[in-house]
């Protein structure tokens, strides 16, 4: 019996061999562990941010004047839980949403938000400058 030449075999891989490219656009809500808020001569930028619990928010003074970010309401700073201007200069200062002094140009300060809610804040040295941190 004569043999016919073997037909070439075609193997189909069980998994794709070409990379998958996603054409989806990223969500507008980005999960991050830190947010930067610039302090300008016109106020806070961005003025409102939405973050997740445990996010570090850093204020950087880029204005020509000192700025004192703190929890609302002026002048007591008591809106954020356990905060209050009377705690400035005490051992509790590190735990409150209050820088407790004016930041000069180029200085920064951060606070980690561990309480879920809508937290308004202001510049104690210029109370018309306000902002909001929404913690989910």
N, C-alpha and C. Protein backbone atom coordinates (compact mmCIF):
# COMPACT_ATOMS: atom_id res chain seq x y z
N UNK A 1 0.85 -1.16 0.00
CA UNK A 1 0.00 0.00 0.00
C UNK A 1 0.89 1.21 0.00
N UNK A 2 0.54 2.16 -0.79
CA UNK A 2 1.38 3.36 -0.87
C UNK A 2 0.84 4.41 0.09
N UNK A 3 1.75 5.11 0.62
CA UNK A 3 1.35 6.18 1.57
C UNK A 3 1.25 7.49 0.83
N UNK A 4 0.28 8.29 1.20
CA UNK A 4 0.22 9.64 0.64
C UNK A 4 0.93 10.56 1.62
N UNK A 5 1.52 11.60 1.10
CA UNK A 5 2.22 12.52 2.01
C UNK A 5 1.26 13.02 3.09
N UNK A 6 1.77 13.18 4.26
CA UNK A 6 0.95 13.66 5.39
C UNK A 6 0.49 15.07 5.15
N UNK A 7 -0.75 15.33 5.47
CA UNK A 7 -1.27 16.69 5.35
C UNK A 7 -0.73 17.50 6.51
N UNK A 8 -0.40 18.75 6.23
CA UNK A 8 0.06 19.56 7.35
C UNK A 8 -1.07 19.70 8.37
N UNK A 9 -0.75 19.59 9.64
CA UNK A 9 -1.80 19.73 10.65
C UNK A 9 -1.84 21.19 11.13
N UNK A 10 -3.02 21.62 11.41
CA UNK A 10 -3.24 22.99 11.88
C UNK A 10 -3.70 22.90 13.32
N UNK A 11 -2.92 23.43 14.24
CA UNK A 11 -3.29 23.40 15.63
C UNK A 11 -3.86 24.76 16.02
N UNK A 12 -4.98 24.73 16.66
CA UNK A 12 -5.62 25.97 17.12
C UNK A 12 -5.39 26.08 18.61
N UNK A 13 -4.70 27.14 19.03
CA UNK A 13 -4.43 27.27 20.46
C UNK A 13 -5.72 27.43 21.24
N UNK A 14 -5.73 26.95 22.45
CA UNK A 14 -6.92 27.05 23.28
C UNK A 14 -7.10 28.45 23.90
N UNK A 15 -6.03 29.22 23.91
CA UNK A 15 -6.10 30.59 24.42
C UNK A 15 -5.63 31.53 23.33
N UNK A 16 -6.15 32.74 23.27
CA UNK A 16 -5.72 33.67 22.23
C UNK A 16 -4.23 33.95 22.33
N UNK A 17 -3.60 34.11 21.17
CA UNK A 17 -2.16 34.39 21.16
C UNK A 17 -1.88 35.86 20.91
N UNK A 18 -2.90 36.63 20.61
CA UNK A 18 -2.68 38.06 20.38
C UNK A 18 -3.14 38.82 21.62
N UNK A 19 -2.45 39.89 21.97
CA UNK A 19 -2.84 40.63 23.17
C UNK A 19 -4.18 41.31 22.98
N UNK A 20 -4.91 41.42 24.07
CA UNK A 20 -6.18 42.12 24.04
C UNK A 20 -5.94 43.57 24.38
N UNK A 21 -6.46 44.44 23.56
CA UNK A 21 -6.29 45.88 23.79
C UNK A 21 -7.65 46.45 24.16
N UNK A 22 -7.72 47.08 25.30
CA UNK A 22 -8.97 47.66 25.76
C UNK A 22 -9.14 49.05 25.14
N UNK A 23 -10.33 49.28 24.65
CA UNK A 23 -10.61 50.61 24.09
C UNK A 23 -11.48 51.43 25.04
N UNK A 24 -11.71 50.89 26.22
CA UNK A 24 -12.52 51.63 27.18
C UNK A 24 -11.73 52.81 27.73
N UNK A 25 -12.45 53.89 28.04
CA UNK A 25 -11.79 55.04 28.66
C UNK A 25 -11.82 54.86 30.16
N UNK A 26 -10.79 55.31 30.85
CA UNK A 26 -10.76 55.16 32.30
C UNK A 26 -11.88 55.94 32.96
N UNK A 27 -12.30 55.48 34.11
CA UNK A 27 -13.35 56.14 34.87
C UNK A 27 -12.88 57.52 35.32
N UNK A 28 -13.83 58.44 35.49
CA UNK A 28 -13.47 59.78 35.95
C UNK A 28 -13.13 59.78 37.43
N UNK A 29 -13.54 58.73 38.14
CA UNK A 29 -13.21 58.62 39.56
C UNK A 29 -12.00 57.71 39.68
N UNK A 30 -10.89 58.27 40.04
CA UNK A 30 -9.65 57.52 40.14
C UNK A 30 -9.38 57.22 41.61
N UNK A 31 -9.10 55.97 41.91
CA UNK A 31 -8.76 55.61 43.28
C UNK A 31 -7.28 55.92 43.49
N UNK A 32 -7.01 56.69 44.47
CA UNK A 32 -5.64 57.08 44.75
C UNK A 32 -5.44 57.16 46.25
N UNK A 33 -4.21 57.13 46.68
CA UNK A 33 -3.95 57.21 48.11
C UNK A 33 -3.59 58.62 48.55
N UNK A 34 -3.46 59.55 47.59
CA UNK A 34 -3.14 60.94 47.93
C UNK A 34 -3.74 61.89 46.91
N UNK A 35 -4.23 62.99 47.40
CA UNK A 35 -4.78 64.07 46.57
C UNK A 35 -4.05 65.35 46.95
N UNK A 36 -3.70 66.15 45.95
CA UNK A 36 -3.03 67.44 46.19
C UNK A 36 -4.03 68.56 45.93
N UNK A 37 -4.14 69.48 46.87
CA UNK A 37 -4.95 70.69 46.69
C UNK A 37 -4.00 71.87 46.73
N UNK A 38 -4.02 72.66 45.66
CA UNK A 38 -3.17 73.84 45.57
C UNK A 38 -3.89 75.02 46.21
N UNK A 39 -3.15 75.79 46.97
CA UNK A 39 -3.69 77.03 47.55
C UNK A 39 -3.13 78.15 46.67
N UNK A 40 -4.03 78.86 46.00
CA UNK A 40 -3.63 79.93 45.09
C UNK A 40 -4.12 81.27 45.64
N UNK A 41 -3.79 82.34 44.96
CA UNK A 41 -4.29 83.66 45.35
C UNK A 41 -5.81 83.76 45.19
N UNK A 42 -6.42 82.80 44.46
CA UNK A 42 -7.87 82.79 44.25
C UNK A 42 -8.59 81.76 45.10
N UNK A 43 -7.86 81.01 45.92
CA UNK A 43 -8.50 80.01 46.77
C UNK A 43 -7.93 78.62 46.55
N UNK A 44 -8.73 77.61 46.90
CA UNK A 44 -8.30 76.22 46.81
C UNK A 44 -8.59 75.65 45.42
N UNK A 45 -7.64 74.90 44.87
CA UNK A 45 -7.81 74.27 43.56
C UNK A 45 -7.33 72.84 43.62
N UNK A 46 -8.19 71.84 43.40
CA UNK A 46 -9.63 71.99 43.17
C UNK A 46 -10.35 72.35 44.47
N UNK A 47 -11.50 72.94 44.29
CA UNK A 47 -12.28 73.39 45.43
C UNK A 47 -13.03 72.24 46.10
N UNK A 48 -13.40 71.23 45.29
CA UNK A 48 -14.12 70.07 45.81
C UNK A 48 -13.42 68.81 45.32
N UNK A 49 -13.25 67.83 46.22
CA UNK A 49 -12.70 66.54 45.82
C UNK A 49 -13.51 65.42 46.46
N UNK A 50 -13.56 64.29 45.77
CA UNK A 50 -14.22 63.09 46.29
C UNK A 50 -13.14 62.03 46.44
N UNK A 51 -13.05 61.46 47.64
CA UNK A 51 -12.01 60.50 47.95
C UNK A 51 -12.60 59.29 48.67
N UNK A 52 -11.79 58.30 48.87
CA UNK A 52 -12.20 57.16 49.69
C UNK A 52 -11.58 57.31 51.08
N UNK A 53 -12.21 56.67 52.04
CA UNK A 53 -11.73 56.69 53.42
C UNK A 53 -10.27 56.25 53.47
N UNK A 54 -9.45 56.97 54.23
CA UNK A 54 -8.03 56.65 54.36
C UNK A 54 -7.13 57.37 53.39
N UNK A 55 -7.70 58.26 52.56
CA UNK A 55 -6.90 59.01 51.58
C UNK A 55 -6.22 60.19 52.25
N UNK A 56 -4.97 60.40 51.86
CA UNK A 56 -4.17 61.53 52.34
C UNK A 56 -4.42 62.72 51.41
N UNK A 57 -4.80 63.85 51.99
CA UNK A 57 -4.99 65.08 51.22
C UNK A 57 -3.91 66.06 51.65
N UNK A 58 -3.18 66.58 50.67
CA UNK A 58 -2.09 67.52 50.95
C UNK A 58 -2.43 68.88 50.36
N UNK A 59 -2.32 69.91 51.18
CA UNK A 59 -2.49 71.28 50.73
C UNK A 59 -1.10 71.87 50.51
N UNK A 60 -0.90 72.48 49.35
CA UNK A 60 0.39 73.11 49.02
C UNK A 60 0.12 74.59 48.77
N UNK A 61 0.80 75.45 49.54
CA UNK A 61 0.58 76.89 49.38
C UNK A 61 1.42 77.43 48.22
N UNK A 62 0.71 77.81 47.15
CA UNK A 62 1.36 78.44 45.99
C UNK A 62 1.01 79.92 45.91
N UNK A 63 0.31 80.42 46.92
CA UNK A 63 -0.11 81.82 46.90
C UNK A 63 0.98 82.72 47.49
N UNK A 64 0.78 83.98 47.34
CA UNK A 64 1.76 84.94 47.85
C UNK A 64 1.52 85.27 49.32
N UNK A 65 0.42 84.76 49.90
CA UNK A 65 0.10 85.04 51.30
C UNK A 65 0.03 83.73 52.10
N UNK A 66 0.24 83.81 53.41
CA UNK A 66 0.07 82.60 54.23
C UNK A 66 -1.37 82.08 54.15
N UNK A 67 -1.52 80.78 54.35
CA UNK A 67 -2.84 80.14 54.32
C UNK A 67 -2.91 79.12 55.44
N UNK A 68 -4.10 78.99 56.05
CA UNK A 68 -4.30 78.12 57.20
C UNK A 68 -5.51 77.23 56.93
N UNK A 69 -5.35 76.11 56.21
CA UNK A 69 -6.48 75.20 55.97
C UNK A 69 -6.95 74.57 57.28
N UNK A 70 -8.28 74.53 57.45
CA UNK A 70 -8.86 73.94 58.66
C UNK A 70 -10.31 73.58 58.40
N UNK A 71 -10.80 72.65 59.19
CA UNK A 71 -12.20 72.27 59.13
C UNK A 71 -13.08 73.50 59.30
N UNK A 72 -14.25 73.48 58.65
CA UNK A 72 -15.23 74.53 58.89
C UNK A 72 -15.73 74.34 60.32
N UNK A 73 -16.34 75.18 60.90
CA UNK A 73 -16.76 76.52 60.53
C UNK A 73 -15.82 77.51 61.20
N UNK A 74 -15.55 78.60 60.51
CA UNK A 74 -14.71 79.65 61.06
C UNK A 74 -15.44 80.30 62.23
N UNK A 75 -14.84 80.55 63.34
CA UNK A 75 -13.44 80.36 63.69
C UNK A 75 -13.18 79.12 64.55
N UNK A 76 -14.20 78.25 64.78
CA UNK A 76 -14.03 77.16 65.74
C UNK A 76 -13.41 75.88 65.18
N UNK A 77 -13.60 75.64 63.88
CA UNK A 77 -13.00 74.48 63.19
C UNK A 77 -13.50 73.14 63.73
N UNK A 78 -14.79 73.04 64.05
CA UNK A 78 -15.30 71.84 64.71
C UNK A 78 -16.14 70.92 63.83
N UNK A 79 -16.29 71.18 62.54
CA UNK A 79 -17.16 70.34 61.71
C UNK A 79 -16.62 68.92 61.58
N UNK A 80 -15.33 68.77 61.30
CA UNK A 80 -14.76 67.42 61.19
C UNK A 80 -14.69 66.82 62.60
N UNK A 81 -15.11 65.56 62.78
CA UNK A 81 -15.14 64.95 64.11
C UNK A 81 -13.81 65.07 64.87
N UNK A 82 -13.92 65.42 66.12
CA UNK A 82 -12.80 65.56 67.07
C UNK A 82 -11.89 66.75 66.78
N UNK A 83 -12.26 67.59 65.80
CA UNK A 83 -11.45 68.77 65.51
C UNK A 83 -11.93 69.97 66.33
N UNK A 84 -11.09 70.98 66.41
CA UNK A 84 -11.43 72.20 67.12
C UNK A 84 -10.16 73.02 67.31
N UNK A 85 -10.25 74.32 67.06
CA UNK A 85 -9.07 75.18 67.13
C UNK A 85 -8.44 75.17 68.52
N UNK A 86 -9.25 74.87 69.54
CA UNK A 86 -8.71 74.84 70.91
C UNK A 86 -7.70 73.71 71.11
N UNK A 87 -7.67 72.74 70.18
CA UNK A 87 -6.72 71.61 70.27
C UNK A 87 -5.37 71.93 69.64
N UNK A 88 -5.28 73.10 68.96
CA UNK A 88 -3.98 73.52 68.41
C UNK A 88 -3.01 73.73 69.57
N UNK A 89 -1.77 73.27 69.39
CA UNK A 89 -0.76 73.43 70.43
C UNK A 89 -0.86 72.40 71.55
N UNK A 90 -1.75 71.39 71.39
CA UNK A 90 -1.87 70.33 72.39
C UNK A 90 -1.42 69.01 71.75
N UNK A 91 -1.28 67.95 72.54
CA UNK A 91 -0.93 66.65 71.95
C UNK A 91 -1.96 66.14 70.94
N UNK A 92 -3.19 66.64 70.98
CA UNK A 92 -4.24 66.23 70.06
C UNK A 92 -4.12 66.88 68.68
N UNK A 93 -3.26 67.85 68.53
CA UNK A 93 -3.14 68.60 67.28
C UNK A 93 -2.92 67.70 66.06
N UNK A 94 -2.11 66.67 66.21
CA UNK A 94 -1.80 65.78 65.07
C UNK A 94 -3.01 65.00 64.58
N UNK A 95 -4.09 64.96 65.37
CA UNK A 95 -5.27 64.17 65.01
C UNK A 95 -6.41 65.01 64.45
N UNK A 96 -6.25 66.33 64.38
CA UNK A 96 -7.36 67.19 63.95
C UNK A 96 -7.15 67.73 62.54
N UNK A 97 -8.27 68.06 61.89
CA UNK A 97 -8.25 68.63 60.54
C UNK A 97 -8.04 70.14 60.69
N UNK A 98 -6.77 70.50 60.97
CA UNK A 98 -6.42 71.89 61.22
C UNK A 98 -4.90 72.00 61.22
N UNK A 99 -4.35 72.82 60.32
CA UNK A 99 -2.89 72.97 60.29
C UNK A 99 -2.39 73.77 61.50
N UNK A 100 -3.27 74.54 62.13
CA UNK A 100 -2.98 75.28 63.36
C UNK A 100 -1.96 76.41 63.19
N UNK A 101 -1.68 76.80 61.97
CA UNK A 101 -0.79 77.95 61.73
C UNK A 101 -0.87 78.30 60.25
N UNK A 102 -0.36 79.45 59.90
CA UNK A 102 -0.31 79.84 58.50
C UNK A 102 0.83 79.13 57.77
N UNK A 103 0.52 78.55 56.62
CA UNK A 103 1.56 77.97 55.76
C UNK A 103 2.08 79.06 54.84
N UNK A 104 3.38 79.24 54.81
CA UNK A 104 3.97 80.22 53.90
C UNK A 104 4.06 79.64 52.50
N UNK A 105 4.32 80.49 51.54
CA UNK A 105 4.46 80.06 50.16
C UNK A 105 5.48 78.92 50.08
N UNK A 106 5.10 77.84 49.39
CA UNK A 106 5.98 76.68 49.22
C UNK A 106 5.83 75.62 50.30
N UNK A 107 5.17 75.94 51.41
CA UNK A 107 4.97 74.95 52.47
C UNK A 107 3.73 74.11 52.18
N UNK A 108 3.71 72.91 52.76
CA UNK A 108 2.56 72.03 52.59
C UNK A 108 2.19 71.38 53.92
N UNK A 109 0.99 70.82 53.96
CA UNK A 109 0.47 70.13 55.13
C UNK A 109 -0.49 69.07 54.65
N UNK A 110 -0.55 67.93 55.34
CA UNK A 110 -1.50 66.90 54.91
C UNK A 110 -2.34 66.41 56.08
N UNK A 111 -3.48 65.81 55.71
CA UNK A 111 -4.39 65.20 56.66
C UNK A 111 -4.96 63.95 56.01
N UNK A 112 -5.05 62.87 56.78
CA UNK A 112 -5.64 61.62 56.29
C UNK A 112 -7.08 61.57 56.78
N UNK A 113 -8.02 61.45 55.82
CA UNK A 113 -9.44 61.44 56.15
C UNK A 113 -9.91 60.02 56.42
N UNK A 114 -10.27 59.75 57.68
CA UNK A 114 -10.74 58.43 58.09
C UNK A 114 -12.21 58.42 58.50
N UNK A 115 -12.89 59.53 58.29
CA UNK A 115 -14.32 59.62 58.60
C UNK A 115 -15.10 59.84 57.31
N UNK A 116 -16.09 58.97 57.06
CA UNK A 116 -16.93 59.10 55.88
C UNK A 116 -17.88 60.28 56.08
N UNK A 117 -18.08 61.08 55.03
CA UNK A 117 -19.00 62.21 55.10
C UNK A 117 -18.59 63.32 54.16
N UNK A 118 -19.31 64.44 54.24
CA UNK A 118 -19.00 65.64 53.46
C UNK A 118 -18.40 66.65 54.42
N UNK A 119 -17.14 66.96 54.21
CA UNK A 119 -16.40 67.80 55.14
C UNK A 119 -16.00 69.12 54.49
N UNK A 120 -16.61 70.19 54.99
CA UNK A 120 -16.30 71.52 54.49
C UNK A 120 -15.11 72.08 55.26
N UNK A 121 -14.35 72.91 54.58
CA UNK A 121 -13.19 73.52 55.22
C UNK A 121 -13.00 74.94 54.70
N UNK A 122 -12.07 75.65 55.29
CA UNK A 122 -11.84 77.05 54.93
C UNK A 122 -10.38 77.41 55.21
N UNK A 123 -10.01 78.61 54.80
CA UNK A 123 -8.71 79.18 55.13
C UNK A 123 -8.96 80.11 56.32
N UNK A 124 -8.42 79.77 57.47
CA UNK A 124 -8.65 80.56 58.68
C UNK A 124 -8.17 82.00 58.52
N UNK A 125 -7.15 82.22 57.70
CA UNK A 125 -6.63 83.58 57.50
C UNK A 125 -7.38 84.35 56.42
N UNK A 126 -8.18 83.65 55.62
CA UNK A 126 -9.00 84.26 54.60
C UNK A 126 -10.28 83.42 54.48
N UNK A 127 -11.22 83.59 55.44
CA UNK A 127 -12.39 82.71 55.54
C UNK A 127 -13.29 82.64 54.30
N UNK A 128 -13.12 83.53 53.35
CA UNK A 128 -13.93 83.45 52.13
C UNK A 128 -13.44 82.31 51.22
N UNK A 129 -12.24 81.81 51.45
CA UNK A 129 -11.72 80.67 50.69
C UNK A 129 -12.24 79.40 51.38
N UNK A 130 -13.05 78.64 50.65
CA UNK A 130 -13.66 77.44 51.20
C UNK A 130 -13.48 76.27 50.23
N UNK A 131 -13.70 75.07 50.74
CA UNK A 131 -13.65 73.87 49.93
C UNK A 131 -14.43 72.76 50.59
N UNK A 132 -14.49 71.61 49.89
CA UNK A 132 -15.21 70.46 50.40
C UNK A 132 -14.47 69.17 50.06
N UNK A 133 -14.41 68.28 51.03
CA UNK A 133 -13.84 66.95 50.85
C UNK A 133 -14.99 65.97 51.09
N UNK A 134 -15.32 65.17 50.07
CA UNK A 134 -16.35 64.15 50.21
C UNK A 134 -15.62 62.82 50.37
N UNK A 135 -15.84 62.17 51.51
CA UNK A 135 -15.18 60.91 51.82
C UNK A 135 -16.21 59.79 51.75
N UNK A 136 -15.93 58.80 50.90
CA UNK A 136 -16.86 57.66 50.74
C UNK A 136 -16.27 56.40 51.30
